[in-house]
Amino acid sequence: MDQLKERLGLIKNVVVILSGKGGVGKSSVSAVLATTLVKSGYRVGILDLDITGPNIPRIIGAPEKKILQSEKGWIPVYVDKEKKLGVISIGYLISKKDAVIWRGPRKHGIINQFLVDVNWGELDYLIIDTPPGTSDEHISLVELLHKAIPTSTLNANISKLRIIAEEETLEEKTKLGAIIVTTPQEVALIDIKKEINFCKKVNLEIIGLIENMSGFLCPNCDEIHQIFSSGGGINLAKNLFINLLCKIPLDPRLVEICDKDGVKILLDENNEKNKLGKPILKAFDQVIEFVEEWSKDRESNTDSDGDDDEDDEDEDDELQKLNDEEENKKKKQMLKRAKKRKKMESFDF
């Protein structure tokens, strides 16, 4: 556990990419989000936890590379010369033809190994791509992260997962949050509600919701045509007071990049194959804006009233103080919700 704390202590932000449904584009969103962050000047790592379907090596554009060992642990696969984007995936450890047929304990073991043994160094963001649903991988991941990243308040349901708030705190608190990916269809939104409920139960802060495949972006005219139902993501976000980070249209050019060269070519502005449509670029710029704002909003690991309590304080004054704090907390929540609504409405979806 000490080694895990040491590893995560060098990472400023951990962002978990989730979805209750498969096939919504979590891996492509993770890869493009990582490259966009790198283009913004950050050091980023991608941890692929989709053990049975590790697609990140292909999507990022480095499927043939290998993970190397060093005295300080595994060295991530770097896809750029500056080594600002590193990748870890089980896809680098097994043959392409091998099927991963593992039970829960072995999955837990490899997740623990990825978190403890990988020498990421100092990172601004660690993007964790997860499989669909709320299965063994998610429970193991959240349990390990919560043990290593202390939080000021823990949901009572956390005890069901045997997650304990550690007394020790990191010198600089690592920020932990989740981005949920959905598609506009109602069948996807039903599963997304379950994923949101999962985040609340395990005390995983939701940064926001991404509506992927939101219309079809014509590569000839750069206009978006609705081929699926629309508006589901923004309605869900408003009803549950969650940020809608962006709506990403389905762009055949992005599909081709993921299948052939990999999204690492997005780091090269002069590459002729780097021809993503403006709506895609604008969408991820919006995500970066939300993520940066979330990252800056860092709260203390300790309760705000911990040093102010005095033994001789009158009981009535103490009760009044608690009531005032509860009232202020409600006001802050209302202001935060109003701010989220205003910010969502300011973007042109």
Protein backbone atom coordinates (compact mmCIF):
# COMPACT_ATOMS: atom_id res chain seq x y z
CA MET A 1 0.00 0.00 0.00
CA ASP A 2 2.91 2.36 0.74
CA GLN A 3 4.26 1.81 -2.76
CA LEU A 4 0.83 2.48 -4.28
CA LYS A 5 0.61 5.75 -2.34
CA GLU A 6 4.07 6.66 -3.55
CA ARG A 7 3.11 6.01 -7.19
CA LEU A 8 -0.14 7.95 -7.03
CA GLY A 9 1.51 10.71 -5.03
CA LEU A 10 3.34 11.69 -8.24
CA ILE A 11 0.08 11.88 -10.23
CA LYS A 12 -1.95 15.07 -9.88
CA ASN A 13 -5.23 13.83 -11.40
CA VAL A 14 -6.72 10.38 -11.96
CA VAL A 15 -9.65 10.30 -14.42
CA VAL A 16 -11.62 7.05 -14.77
CA ILE A 17 -13.54 6.60 -18.05
CA LEU A 18 -16.76 4.65 -17.40
CA SER A 19 -19.90 3.48 -19.15
CA GLY A 20 -22.66 1.09 -18.23
CA LYS A 21 -22.85 -0.11 -21.83
CA GLY A 22 -20.34 -1.54 -24.28
CA GLY A 23 -19.69 -0.17 -27.74
CA VAL A 24 -20.14 3.51 -26.82
CA GLY A 25 -16.55 4.46 -27.64
CA LYS A 26 -14.84 4.64 -24.23
CA SER A 27 -11.45 3.61 -25.59
CA SER A 28 -11.47 6.08 -28.49
CA VAL A 29 -12.63 8.86 -26.13
CA SER A 30 -9.85 7.94 -23.67
CA ALA A 31 -7.20 7.99 -26.40
CA VAL A 32 -8.28 11.26 -28.02
CA LEU A 33 -8.73 12.92 -24.61
CA ALA A 34 -5.18 11.88 -23.66
CA THR A 35 -3.65 13.23 -26.88
CA THR A 36 -5.62 16.47 -26.54
CA LEU A 37 -4.27 16.91 -23.01
CA VAL A 38 -0.72 16.30 -24.27
CA LYS A 39 -1.24 18.94 -26.99
CA SER A 40 -2.29 21.30 -24.19
CA GLY A 41 1.10 20.83 -22.53
CA TYR A 42 0.37 18.11 -19.95
CA ARG A 43 2.15 14.83 -19.16
CA VAL A 44 -0.41 12.03 -19.50
CA GLY A 45 -0.66 8.28 -18.96
CA ILE A 46 -3.30 5.86 -20.25
CA LEU A 47 -4.02 2.74 -18.19
CA ASP A 48 -6.07 0.21 -20.15
CA LEU A 49 -8.06 -1.92 -17.69
CA ASP A 50 -10.26 -3.59 -20.30
CA ILE A 51 -8.60 -6.94 -19.65
CA THR A 52 -10.68 -9.08 -22.01
CA GLY A 53 -10.71 -6.53 -24.85
CA PRO A 54 -7.55 -4.38 -24.68
CA ASN A 55 -7.97 -2.05 -27.67
CA ILE A 56 -5.94 0.94 -26.50
CA PRO A 57 -2.62 -0.23 -28.07
CA ARG A 58 -4.25 -0.38 -31.53
CA ILE A 59 -6.30 2.81 -31.11
CA ILE A 60 -3.32 4.83 -29.82
CA GLY A 61 -1.18 3.57 -32.72
CA ALA A 62 1.46 1.46 -30.93
CA PRO A 63 0.26 -2.17 -31.09
CA GLU A 64 3.63 -3.86 -31.64
CA LYS A 65 5.63 -2.31 -28.80
CA LYS A 66 6.55 -4.04 -25.54
CA ILE A 67 6.57 -3.04 -21.87
CA LEU A 68 10.11 -2.88 -20.48
CA GLN A 69 11.32 -3.62 -16.96
CA SER A 70 13.57 -1.41 -14.82
CA GLU A 71 14.72 -1.28 -11.21
CA LYS A 72 11.88 1.12 -10.43
CA GLY A 73 9.19 -1.02 -12.13
CA TRP A 74 7.54 -1.41 -15.51
CA ILE A 75 8.22 1.35 -18.01
CA PRO A 76 5.13 2.50 -19.95
CA VAL A 77 5.07 2.38 -23.74
CA TYR A 78 5.68 5.95 -24.93
CA VAL A 79 4.13 6.94 -28.25
CA ASP A 80 5.86 10.33 -28.67
CA LYS A 81 9.50 11.43 -28.71
CA GLU A 82 9.08 13.77 -25.75
CA LYS A 83 7.67 10.88 -23.65
CA LYS A 84 4.66 12.92 -22.56
CA LEU A 85 2.15 10.16 -23.41
CA GLY A 86 2.68 6.72 -21.88
CA VAL A 87 0.45 3.64 -22.22
CA ILE A 88 0.04 0.46 -20.16
CA SER A 89 -2.22 -2.37 -21.32
CA ILE A 90 -2.44 -6.12 -20.92
CA GLY A 91 -2.43 -6.12 -24.73
CA TYR A 92 1.35 -5.64 -24.49
CA LEU A 93 1.74 -8.71 -22.28
CA ILE A 94 -0.23 -11.36 -24.17
CA SER A 95 -0.44 -12.66 -27.71
CA LYS A 96 -3.06 -11.14 -30.00
CA LYS A 97 -4.67 -14.56 -30.41
CA ASP A 98 -4.87 -15.35 -26.68
CA ALA A 99 -8.24 -15.06 -24.96
CA VAL A 100 -8.10 -13.76 -21.38
CA ILE A 101 -10.22 -16.20 -19.35
CA TRP A 102 -9.68 -15.05 -15.79
CA ARG A 103 -11.73 -15.11 -12.60
CA GLY A 104 -12.09 -12.16 -10.26
CA PRO A 105 -9.01 -12.73 -8.02
CA ARG A 106 -6.62 -12.84 -10.97
CA LYS A 107 -8.18 -9.70 -12.45
CA HIS A 108 -7.74 -7.99 -9.09
CA GLY A 109 -4.10 -9.09 -9.09
CA ILE A 110 -3.26 -7.60 -12.49
CA ILE A 111 -5.06 -4.32 -11.65
CA ASN A 112 -3.08 -4.06 -8.42
CA GLN A 113 0.11 -4.80 -10.35
CA PHE A 114 -0.64 -2.12 -12.96
CA LEU A 115 -1.20 0.47 -10.23
CA VAL A 116 1.73 -0.52 -8.00
CA ASP A 117 4.47 -1.73 -10.37
CA VAL A 118 4.26 0.79 -13.22
CA ASN A 119 6.78 3.62 -12.96
CA TRP A 120 4.76 6.50 -14.44
CA GLY A 121 6.92 9.16 -12.87
CA GLU A 122 5.28 12.55 -12.49
CA LEU A 123 2.00 12.89 -14.40
CA ASP A 124 -0.56 15.65 -14.71
CA TYR A 125 -3.28 13.17 -15.69
CA LEU A 126 -3.71 9.40 -15.57
CA ILE A 127 -6.59 8.34 -17.82
CA ILE A 128 -7.99 4.90 -16.89
CA ASP A 129 -10.01 3.15 -19.58
CA THR A 130 -12.38 0.57 -18.06
CA PRO A 131 -14.62 -2.19 -19.47
CA PRO A 132 -18.40 -1.66 -19.57
CA GLY A 133 -20.58 -2.26 -16.54
CA THR A 134 -19.80 -2.40 -12.83
CA SER A 135 -17.92 -5.66 -12.47
CA ASP A 136 -14.82 -7.01 -10.68
CA GLU A 137 -12.47 -4.60 -12.44
CA HIS A 138 -14.40 -1.53 -11.29
CA ILE A 139 -14.73 -2.68 -7.68
CA SER A 140 -11.03 -3.60 -7.46
CA LEU A 141 -9.98 -0.31 -9.07
CA VAL A 142 -12.10 1.92 -6.83
CA GLU A 143 -11.11 -0.01 -3.71
CA LEU A 144 -7.40 0.41 -4.44
CA LEU A 145 -7.71 4.07 -5.44
CA HIS A 146 -9.69 4.99 -2.33
CA LYS A 147 -7.14 3.29 -0.08
CA ALA A 148 -4.31 5.26 -1.66
CA ILE A 149 -6.13 8.56 -2.26
CA PRO A 150 -7.72 9.76 1.02
CA THR A 151 -11.03 11.57 0.83
CA SER A 152 -12.55 13.93 3.38
CA THR A 153 -15.96 12.25 3.37
CA LEU A 154 -16.91 8.67 2.64
CA ASN A 155 -20.31 7.35 1.73
CA ALA A 156 -21.67 4.77 4.17
CA ASN A 157 -22.02 2.31 1.29
CA ILE A 158 -18.25 2.32 0.85
CA SER A 159 -17.94 -0.07 3.78
CA LYS A 160 -19.69 -2.71 1.69
CA LEU A 161 -16.67 -2.68 -0.62
CA ARG A 162 -14.28 -2.81 2.35
CA ILE A 163 -12.88 0.59 1.43
CA ILE A 164 -11.29 2.31 4.41
CA ALA A 165 -10.26 5.97 4.61
CA GLU A 166 -6.59 6.01 5.54
CA GLU A 167 -5.44 8.34 8.31
CA GLU A 168 -2.31 9.29 6.36
CA THR A 169 -2.68 11.91 3.64
CA LEU A 170 -0.68 12.65 0.53
CA GLU A 171 1.44 15.80 0.62
CA GLU A 172 -0.47 17.11 -2.38
CA LYS A 173 -3.90 15.56 -2.72
CA THR A 174 -4.39 13.53 -5.88
CA LYS A 175 -7.68 14.45 -7.51
CA LEU A 176 -9.90 11.48 -8.39
CA GLY A 177 -12.90 11.69 -10.70
CA ALA A 178 -14.86 9.92 -13.43
CA ILE A 179 -16.09 10.76 -16.92
CA ILE A 180 -19.08 8.75 -18.13
CA VAL A 181 -19.52 8.03 -21.84
CA THR A 182 -22.91 7.36 -23.42
CA THR A 183 -24.68 7.42 -26.77
CA PRO A 184 -27.98 9.26 -27.33
CA GLN A 185 -30.23 6.18 -27.48
CA GLU A 186 -32.58 5.41 -24.61
CA VAL A 187 -31.25 1.85 -24.27
CA ALA A 188 -27.79 3.28 -23.52
CA LEU A 189 -29.12 5.90 -21.09
CA ILE A 190 -30.79 3.20 -18.99
CA ASP A 191 -27.40 1.58 -18.39
CA ILE A 192 -25.74 4.95 -17.84
CA LYS A 193 -28.10 5.68 -14.94
CA LYS A 194 -26.83 2.49 -13.28
CA GLU A 195 -23.24 3.65 -13.78
CA ILE A 196 -24.04 7.02 -12.21
CA ASN A 197 -25.61 5.22 -9.25
CA PHE A 198 -22.45 3.11 -8.95
CA CYS A 199 -20.29 6.25 -8.78
CA LYS A 200 -22.47 7.69 -6.01
CA LYS A 201 -22.35 4.48 -3.98
CA VAL A 202 -18.55 4.21 -4.14
CA ASN A 203 -17.98 7.95 -3.61
CA LEU A 204 -16.43 8.52 -7.04
CA GLU A 205 -16.85 12.14 -8.12
CA ILE A 206 -18.42 12.54 -11.57
CA ILE A 207 -16.67 15.19 -13.66
CA GLY A 208 -19.32 14.97 -16.34
CA LEU A 209 -21.03 13.09 -19.15
CA ILE A 210 -19.90 12.75 -22.78
CA GLU A 211 -22.52 11.99 -25.41
CA ASN A 212 -20.61 10.08 -28.09
CA MET A 213 -21.84 9.24 -31.62
CA SER A 214 -24.18 12.22 -31.38
CA GLY A 215 -25.12 12.49 -35.04
CA PHE A 216 -23.06 11.77 -38.15
CA LEU A 217 -20.42 14.27 -39.28
CA CYS A 218 -20.32 14.29 -43.08
CA PRO A 219 -16.65 14.40 -44.19
CA ASN A 220 -17.61 16.29 -47.36
CA CYS A 221 -19.65 19.19 -45.96
CA ASP A 222 -18.74 19.05 -42.22
CA GLU A 223 -22.44 19.17 -41.34
CA ILE A 224 -23.92 16.94 -38.64
CA HIS A 225 -26.86 14.70 -39.59
CA GLN A 226 -28.94 12.99 -36.90
CA ILE A 227 -29.17 9.26 -37.58
CA PHE A 228 -29.94 8.20 -34.02
CA SER A 229 -32.23 9.76 -31.42
CA SER A 230 -30.81 12.99 -30.00
CA GLY A 231 -30.99 15.04 -26.82
CA GLY A 232 -30.86 12.09 -24.41
CA GLY A 233 -27.48 12.97 -22.94
CA ILE A 234 -28.22 16.62 -22.23
CA ASN A 235 -31.62 15.82 -20.68
CA LEU A 236 -30.06 13.19 -18.43
CA ALA A 237 -27.29 15.59 -17.41
CA LYS A 238 -29.73 18.37 -16.55
CA ASN A 239 -32.06 16.10 -14.59
CA LEU A 240 -29.21 14.65 -12.51
CA PHE A 241 -27.24 17.93 -12.22
CA ILE A 242 -24.23 16.49 -14.06
CA ASN A 243 -22.03 18.42 -16.47
CA LEU A 244 -22.57 17.53 -20.11
CA LEU A 245 -18.96 17.89 -21.23
CA CYS A 246 -19.61 17.67 -24.96
CA LYS A 247 -21.48 15.96 -27.78
CA ILE A 248 -19.12 14.11 -30.12
CA PRO A 249 -20.44 13.33 -33.61
CA LEU A 250 -19.54 10.12 -35.42
CA ASP A 251 -16.71 11.08 -37.79
CA PRO A 252 -15.53 8.49 -40.37
CA ARG A 253 -12.11 10.17 -40.34
CA LEU A 254 -11.66 9.43 -36.63
CA VAL A 255 -12.73 5.83 -37.20
CA GLU A 256 -10.11 5.49 -39.94
CA ILE A 257 -7.40 7.04 -37.75
CA CYS A 258 -8.19 4.62 -34.88
CA ASP A 259 -8.16 1.62 -37.22
CA LYS A 260 -4.98 2.43 -39.17
CA ASP A 261 -2.40 4.91 -37.87
CA GLY A 262 -3.73 5.48 -34.35
CA VAL A 263 -4.64 8.71 -32.62
CA LYS A 264 -0.97 9.46 -31.90
CA ILE A 265 -0.93 11.22 -35.30
CA LEU A 266 -3.13 13.91 -33.72
CA LEU A 267 0.04 15.06 -31.92
CA ASP A 268 1.58 15.92 -35.31
CA GLU A 269 -0.09 19.04 -36.70
CA ASN A 270 1.72 18.65 -40.04
CA ASN A 271 0.63 15.05 -40.67
CA GLU A 272 -1.51 14.93 -43.82
CA LYS A 273 -3.66 12.18 -42.28
CA ASN A 274 -4.54 14.41 -39.32
CA LYS A 275 -7.77 15.82 -40.76
CA LEU A 276 -10.36 15.64 -38.01
CA GLY A 277 -13.45 17.81 -38.45
CA LYS A 278 -13.83 21.04 -36.47
CA PRO A 279 -16.84 19.72 -34.47
CA ILE A 280 -14.67 16.89 -33.08
CA LEU A 281 -11.82 19.24 -32.14
CA LYS A 282 -14.25 21.72 -30.59
CA ALA A 283 -15.90 18.95 -28.56
CA PHE A 284 -12.63 17.82 -26.98
CA ASP A 285 -11.58 21.42 -26.33
CA GLN A 286 -14.77 21.70 -24.24
CA VAL A 287 -13.86 18.53 -22.35
CA ILE A 288 -10.39 19.92 -21.59
CA GLU A 289 -11.94 23.13 -20.29
CA PHE A 290 -14.18 21.21 -17.88
CA VAL A 291 -11.35 18.89 -16.78
CA GLU A 292 -8.97 21.79 -16.11
CA GLU A 293 -11.61 23.57 -14.05
CA TRP A 294 -12.29 20.38 -12.09
CA SER A 295 -8.57 19.87 -11.49
CA LYS A 296 -8.10 23.37 -10.10
CA ASP A 297 -10.95 22.88 -7.61
CA ARG A 298 -8.85 21.00 -5.07
CA GLU A 299 -10.23 20.67 -1.56
CA SER A 300 -8.32 19.93 1.61
CA ASN A 301 -8.10 16.30 2.78
CA THR A 302 -9.07 17.34 6.27
CA ASP A 303 -12.39 18.60 7.55
CA SER A 304 -12.56 22.38 7.54
CA ASP A 305 -13.57 22.62 11.20
CA GLY A 306 -10.92 20.25 12.56
CA ASP A 307 -8.62 22.93 13.98
CA ASP A 308 -11.31 25.33 15.13
CA ASP A 309 -12.97 23.15 17.74
CA GLU A 310 -12.25 24.20 21.34
CA ASP A 311 -12.89 22.05 24.38
CA ASP A 312 -14.52 24.86 26.31
CA GLU A 313 -16.95 25.86 23.58
CA ASP A 314 -20.54 26.10 24.74
CA GLU A 315 -22.79 23.24 23.55
CA ASP A 316 -25.46 25.58 22.17
CA ASP A 317 -22.86 27.49 20.16
CA GLU A 318 -21.52 24.24 18.78
CA LEU A 319 -24.98 23.12 17.66
CA GLN A 320 -25.60 26.50 16.05
CA LYS A 321 -22.29 26.24 14.27
CA LEU A 322 -23.21 22.84 12.84
CA ASN A 323 -26.58 24.18 11.69
CA ASP A 324 -24.89 27.14 10.00
CA GLU A 325 -22.42 24.85 8.28
CA GLU A 326 -25.26 22.64 7.01
CA GLU A 327 -27.09 25.70 5.69
CA ASN A 328 -23.95 27.00 3.98
CA LYS A 329 -23.38 23.56 2.48
CA LYS A 330 -26.87 23.57 0.97
CA LYS A 331 -26.33 27.07 -0.43
CA LYS A 332 -23.03 26.01 -1.97
CA GLN A 333 -24.70 22.98 -3.58
CA MET A 334 -27.45 25.17 -5.04
CA LEU A 335 -24.90 27.65 -6.41
CA LYS A 336 -22.85 24.80 -7.85
CA ARG A 337 -25.89 23.34 -9.62
CA ALA A 338 -26.82 26.75 -11.01
CA LYS A 339 -23.26 27.22 -12.24
CA LYS A 340 -23.33 23.81 -13.96
CA ARG A 341 -26.61 24.63 -15.72
CA LYS A 342 -25.26 28.02 -16.86
CA LYS A 343 -22.02 26.48 -18.15
CA MET A 344 -23.87 23.75 -20.05
CA GLU A 345 -26.16 26.29 -21.66
CA SER A 346 -23.17 28.43 -22.73
CA PHE A 347 -21.85 25.69 -25.04
CA ASP A 348 -23.25 25.26 -28.52
CA PHE A 349 -24.31 21.62 -28.61
